[in-house]
PDB file of all heavy atoms in Angstrom:
ATOM      1  N   SER A   1      -7.756   4.779 -10.472  1.00  0.00           N
ATOM      2  CA  SER A   1      -8.806   4.816 -11.498  1.00  0.00           C
ATOM      3  C   SER A   1     -10.127   5.334 -10.942  1.00  0.00           C
ATOM      4  O   SER A   1     -10.962   5.855 -11.692  1.00  0.00           O
ATOM      5  CB  SER A   1      -9.013   3.417 -12.095  1.00  0.00           C
ATOM      6  OG  SER A   1      -9.705   2.562 -11.196  1.00  0.00           O
ATOM      7  N   LEU A   2     -10.311   5.205  -9.635  1.00  0.00           N
ATOM      8  CA  LEU A   2     -11.536   5.661  -8.979  1.00  0.00           C
ATOM      9  C   LEU A   2     -11.407   7.085  -8.436  1.00  0.00           C
ATOM     10  O   LEU A   2     -12.310   7.577  -7.757  1.00  0.00           O
ATOM     11  CB  LEU A   2     -11.904   4.708  -7.839  1.00  0.00           C
ATOM     12  CG  LEU A   2     -12.285   3.281  -8.261  1.00  0.00           C
ATOM     13  CD1 LEU A   2     -12.432   2.387  -7.039  1.00  0.00           C
ATOM     14  CD2 LEU A   2     -13.569   3.289  -9.081  1.00  0.00           C
ATOM     15  N   GLY A   3     -10.293   7.724  -8.739  1.00  0.00           N
ATOM     16  CA  GLY A   3     -10.108   9.107  -8.323  1.00  0.00           C
ATOM     17  C   GLY A   3      -9.488   9.282  -6.963  1.00  0.00           C
ATOM     18  O   GLY A   3      -9.492  10.396  -6.420  1.00  0.00           O
ATOM     19  N   GLY A   4      -8.947   8.214  -6.382  1.00  0.00           N
ATOM     20  CA  GLY A   4      -8.295   8.321  -5.084  1.00  0.00           C
ATOM     21  C   GLY A   4      -6.991   9.084  -5.170  1.00  0.00           C
ATOM     22  O   GLY A   4      -6.362   9.168  -6.235  1.00  0.00           O
ATOM     23  N   ALA A   5      -6.578   9.652  -4.065  1.00  0.00           N
ATOM     24  CA  ALA A   5      -5.323  10.398  -4.019  1.00  0.00           C
ATOM     25  C   ALA A   5      -4.143   9.468  -4.246  1.00  0.00           C
ATOM     26  O   ALA A   5      -4.136   8.321  -3.778  1.00  0.00           O
ATOM     27  CB  ALA A   5      -5.188  11.089  -2.662  1.00  0.00           C
ATOM     28  N   GLU A   6      -3.134   9.943  -4.962  1.00  0.00           N
ATOM     29  CA  GLU A   6      -1.966   9.117  -5.236  1.00  0.00           C
ATOM     30  C   GLU A   6      -1.267   8.706  -3.941  1.00  0.00           C
ATOM     31  O   GLU A   6      -0.787   7.579  -3.816  1.00  0.00           O
ATOM     32  CB  GLU A   6      -0.983   9.851  -6.146  1.00  0.00           C
ATOM     33  CG  GLU A   6       0.194   8.984  -6.568  1.00  0.00           C
ATOM     34  CD  GLU A   6       1.062   9.620  -7.636  1.00  0.00           C
ATOM     35  OE1 GLU A   6       0.851  10.814  -7.936  1.00  0.00           O
ATOM     36  OE2 GLU A   6       1.941   8.928  -8.173  1.00  0.00           O
ATOM     37  N   ALA A   7      -1.224   9.609  -2.968  1.00  0.00           N
ATOM     38  CA  ALA A   7      -0.591   9.275  -1.697  1.00  0.00           C
ATOM     39  C   ALA A   7      -1.331   8.135  -0.993  1.00  0.00           C
ATOM     40  O   ALA A   7      -0.713   7.263  -0.380  1.00  0.00           O
ATOM     41  CB  ALA A   7      -0.522  10.498  -0.797  1.00  0.00           C
ATOM     42  N   SER A   8      -2.654   8.132  -1.083  1.00  0.00           N
ATOM     43  CA  SER A   8      -3.433   7.044  -0.502  1.00  0.00           C
ATOM     44  C   SER A   8      -3.154   5.735  -1.229  1.00  0.00           C
ATOM     45  O   SER A   8      -2.945   4.692  -0.604  1.00  0.00           O
ATOM     46  CB  SER A   8      -4.925   7.374  -0.566  1.00  0.00           C
ATOM     47  OG  SER A   8      -5.701   6.300  -0.060  1.00  0.00           O
ATOM     48  N   ALA A   9      -3.135   5.787  -2.555  1.00  0.00           N
ATOM     49  CA  ALA A   9      -2.848   4.592  -3.355  1.00  0.00           C
ATOM     50  C   ALA A   9      -1.464   4.046  -3.044  1.00  0.00           C
ATOM     51  O   ALA A   9      -1.262   2.827  -2.948  1.00  0.00           O
ATOM     52  CB  ALA A   9      -2.975   4.919  -4.844  1.00  0.00           C
ATOM     53  N   ASP A  10      -0.501   4.953  -2.865  1.00  0.00           N
ATOM     54  CA  ASP A  10       0.858   4.526  -2.532  1.00  0.00           C
ATOM     55  C   ASP A  10       0.918   3.883  -1.147  1.00  0.00           C
ATOM     56  O   ASP A  10       1.597   2.864  -0.946  1.00  0.00           O
ATOM     57  CB  ASP A  10       1.812   5.716  -2.568  1.00  0.00           C
ATOM     58  CG  ASP A  10       2.125   6.204  -3.971  1.00  0.00           C
ATOM     59  OD1 ASP A  10       1.798   5.489  -4.942  1.00  0.00           O
ATOM     60  OD2 ASP A  10       2.708   7.306  -4.097  1.00  0.00           O
ATOM     61  N   SER A  11       0.214   4.472  -0.194  1.00  0.00           N
ATOM     62  CA  SER A  11       0.199   3.937   1.166  1.00  0.00           C
ATOM     63  C   SER A  11      -0.415   2.536   1.185  1.00  0.00           C
ATOM     64  O   SER A  11       0.111   1.618   1.827  1.00  0.00           O
ATOM     65  CB  SER A  11      -0.586   4.874   2.086  1.00  0.00           C
ATOM     66  OG  SER A  11      -0.584   4.410   3.417  1.00  0.00           O
ATOM     67  N   VAL A  12      -1.509   2.365   0.462  1.00  0.00           N
ATOM     68  CA  VAL A  12      -2.162   1.061   0.376  1.00  0.00           C
ATOM     69  C   VAL A  12      -1.237   0.035  -0.271  1.00  0.00           C
ATOM     70  O   VAL A  12      -1.061  -1.079   0.238  1.00  0.00           O
ATOM     71  CB  VAL A  12      -3.482   1.169  -0.416  1.00  0.00           C
ATOM     72  CG1 VAL A  12      -4.044  -0.216  -0.728  1.00  0.00           C
ATOM     73  CG2 VAL A  12      -4.506   1.994   0.361  1.00  0.00           C
ATOM     74  N   ALA A  13      -0.620   0.402  -1.384  1.00  0.00           N
ATOM     75  CA  ALA A  13       0.255  -0.532  -2.094  1.00  0.00           C
ATOM     76  C   ALA A  13       1.447  -0.936  -1.234  1.00  0.00           C
ATOM     77  O   ALA A  13       1.825  -2.120  -1.180  1.00  0.00           O
ATOM     78  CB  ALA A  13       0.731   0.094  -3.404  1.00  0.00           C
ATOM     79  N   ASP A  14       2.039   0.027  -0.561  1.00  0.00           N
ATOM     80  CA  ASP A  14       3.190  -0.271   0.291  1.00  0.00           C
ATOM     81  C   ASP A  14       2.804  -1.247   1.400  1.00  0.00           C
ATOM     82  O   ASP A  14       3.534  -2.207   1.681  1.00  0.00           O
ATOM     83  CB  ASP A  14       3.732   1.031   0.892  1.00  0.00           C
ATOM     84  CG  ASP A  14       5.115   0.872   1.486  1.00  0.00           C
ATOM     85  OD1 ASP A  14       6.104   0.984   0.744  1.00  0.00           O
ATOM     86  OD2 ASP A  14       5.208   0.640   2.711  1.00  0.00           O
ATOM     87  N   ALA A  15       1.651  -1.001   2.016  1.00  0.00           N
ATOM     88  CA  ALA A  15       1.197  -1.874   3.095  1.00  0.00           C
ATOM     89  C   ALA A  15       0.901  -3.286   2.594  1.00  0.00           C
ATOM     90  O   ALA A  15       1.236  -4.278   3.257  1.00  0.00           O
ATOM     91  CB  ALA A  15      -0.046  -1.283   3.760  1.00  0.00           C
ATOM     92  N   ILE A  16       0.291  -3.397   1.419  1.00  0.00           N
ATOM     93  CA  ILE A  16      -0.034  -4.721   0.869  1.00  0.00           C
ATOM     94  C   ILE A  16       1.232  -5.488   0.528  1.00  0.00           C
ATOM     95  O   ILE A  16       1.358  -6.682   0.831  1.00  0.00           O
ATOM     96  CB  ILE A  16      -0.955  -4.586  -0.357  1.00  0.00           C
ATOM     97  CG1 ILE A  16      -2.332  -4.066   0.070  1.00  0.00           C
ATOM     98  CG2 ILE A  16      -1.097  -5.927  -1.076  1.00  0.00           C
ATOM     99  CD1 ILE A  16      -3.265  -3.756  -1.082  1.00  0.00           C
ATOM    100  N   ILE A  17       2.187  -4.824  -0.110  1.00  0.00           N
ATOM    101  CA  ILE A  17       3.445  -5.492  -0.465  1.00  0.00           C
ATOM    102  C   ILE A  17       4.107  -6.085   0.776  1.00  0.00           C
ATOM    103  O   ILE A  17       4.632  -7.200   0.746  1.00  0.00           O
ATOM    104  CB  ILE A  17       4.408  -4.508  -1.153  1.00  0.00           C
ATOM    105  CG1 ILE A  17       3.923  -4.195  -2.569  1.00  0.00           C
ATOM    106  CG2 ILE A  17       5.834  -5.060  -1.194  1.00  0.00           C
ATOM    107  CD1 ILE A  17       4.669  -3.053  -3.236  1.00  0.00           C
ATOM    108  N   ARG A  18       4.045  -5.356   1.878  1.00  0.00           N
ATOM    109  CA  ARG A  18       4.811  -5.737   3.066  1.00  0.00           C
ATOM    110  C   ARG A  18       3.995  -6.499   4.107  1.00  0.00           C
ATOM    111  O   ARG A  18       4.532  -6.850   5.161  1.00  0.00           O
ATOM    112  CB  ARG A  18       5.416  -4.482   3.708  1.00  0.00           C
ATOM    113  CG  ARG A  18       6.378  -3.743   2.791  1.00  0.00           C
ATOM    114  CD  ARG A  18       7.122  -2.644   3.535  1.00  0.00           C
ATOM    115  NE  ARG A  18       7.964  -3.191   4.586  1.00  0.00           N
ATOM    116  CZ  ARG A  18       8.658  -2.439   5.449  1.00  0.00           C
ATOM    117  NH1 ARG A  18       8.570  -1.123   5.396  1.00  0.00           N
ATOM    118  NH2 ARG A  18       9.412  -3.001   6.373  1.00  0.00           N
ATOM    119  N   HIS A  19       2.748  -6.817   3.827  1.00  0.00           N
ATOM    120  CA  HIS A  19       1.907  -7.323   4.910  1.00  0.00           C
ATOM    121  C   HIS A  19       2.266  -8.725   5.384  1.00  0.00           C
ATOM    122  O   HIS A  19       1.814  -9.151   6.447  1.00  0.00           O
ATOM    123  CB  HIS A  19       0.411  -7.203   4.567  1.00  0.00           C
ATOM    124  CG  HIS A  19      -0.188  -8.317   3.776  1.00  0.00           C
ATOM    125  ND1 HIS A  19      -0.250  -8.312   2.399  1.00  0.00           N
ATOM    126  CD2 HIS A  19      -0.791  -9.467   4.171  1.00  0.00           C
ATOM    127  CE1 HIS A  19      -0.869  -9.397   1.987  1.00  0.00           C
ATOM    128  NE2 HIS A  19      -1.205 -10.123   3.039  1.00  0.00           N
ATOM    129  N   GLN A  20       3.128  -9.428   4.632  1.00  0.00           N
ATOM    130  CA  GLN A  20       3.610 -10.725   5.114  1.00  0.00           C
ATOM    131  C   GLN A  20       5.103 -10.703   5.446  1.00  0.00           C
ATOM    132  O   GLN A  20       5.719 -11.763   5.581  1.00  0.00           O
ATOM    133  CB  GLN A  20       3.303 -11.831   4.100  1.00  0.00           C
ATOM    134  CG  GLN A  20       1.828 -12.172   4.010  1.00  0.00           C
ATOM    135  CD  GLN A  20       1.562 -13.592   3.551  1.00  0.00           C
ATOM    136  OE1 GLN A  20       0.791 -14.320   4.167  1.00  0.00           O
ATOM    137  NE2 GLN A  20       2.187 -13.996   2.465  1.00  0.00           N
ATOM    138  N   ASP A  21       5.670  -9.524   5.655  1.00  0.00           N
ATOM    139  CA  ASP A  21       7.067  -9.412   6.088  1.00  0.00           C
ATOM    140  C   ASP A  21       7.151  -9.615   7.601  1.00  0.00           C
ATOM    141  O   ASP A  21       7.660  -8.768   8.341  1.00  0.00           O
ATOM    142  CB  ASP A  21       7.640  -8.048   5.719  1.00  0.00           C
ATOM    143  CG  ASP A  21       8.041  -7.962   4.257  1.00  0.00           C
ATOM    144  OD1 ASP A  21       8.073  -9.008   3.585  1.00  0.00           O
ATOM    145  OD2 ASP A  21       8.325  -6.847   3.792  1.00  0.00           O
ATOM    146  N   ILE A  22       6.694 -10.748   8.042  1.00  0.00           N
ATOM    147  CA  ILE A  22       6.546 -10.991   9.481  1.00  0.00           C
ATOM    148  C   ILE A  22       7.893 -11.215  10.167  1.00  0.00           C
ATOM    149  O   ILE A  22       8.047 -10.956  11.361  1.00  0.00           O
ATOM    150  CB  ILE A  22       5.633 -12.210   9.714  1.00  0.00           C
ATOM    151  CG1 ILE A  22       4.272 -11.989   9.027  1.00  0.00           C
ATOM    152  CG2 ILE A  22       5.447 -12.497  11.189  1.00  0.00           C
ATOM    153  CD1 ILE A  22       3.539 -10.756   9.504  1.00  0.00           C
ATOM    154  N   PHE A  23       8.893 -11.670   9.419  1.00  0.00           N
ATOM    155  CA  PHE A  23      10.157 -12.048  10.044  1.00  0.00           C
ATOM    156  C   PHE A  23      11.247 -10.986   9.911  1.00  0.00           C
ATOM    157  O   PHE A  23      12.377 -11.218  10.311  1.00  0.00           O
ATOM    158  CB  PHE A  23      10.638 -13.380   9.447  1.00  0.00           C
ATOM    159  CG  PHE A  23       9.632 -14.481   9.602  1.00  0.00           C
ATOM    160  CD1 PHE A  23       8.959 -14.993   8.506  1.00  0.00           C
ATOM    161  CD2 PHE A  23       9.331 -14.994  10.855  1.00  0.00           C
ATOM    162  CE1 PHE A  23       8.014 -15.997   8.647  1.00  0.00           C
ATOM    163  CE2 PHE A  23       8.394 -15.995  11.009  1.00  0.00           C
ATOM    164  CZ  PHE A  23       7.731 -16.502   9.908  1.00  0.00           C
ATOM    165  N   VAL A  24      10.895  -9.822   9.374  1.00  0.00           N
ATOM    166  CA  VAL A  24      11.859  -8.730   9.285  1.00  0.00           C
ATOM    167  C   VAL A  24      11.978  -8.083  10.656  1.00  0.00           C
ATOM    168  O   VAL A  24      10.996  -7.588  11.203  1.00  0.00           O
ATOM    169  CB  VAL A  24      11.414  -7.682   8.241  1.00  0.00           C
ATOM    170  CG1 VAL A  24      12.376  -6.508   8.222  1.00  0.00           C
ATOM    171  CG2 VAL A  24      11.321  -8.326   6.860  1.00  0.00           C
TER     172      VAL A  24
END
């Protein structure tokens, strides 16, 4: 919504989803 690149938004979302996957 702020005009960021889709690839950046995807990278951020992927990292947030996985940031507590400590035991994988």
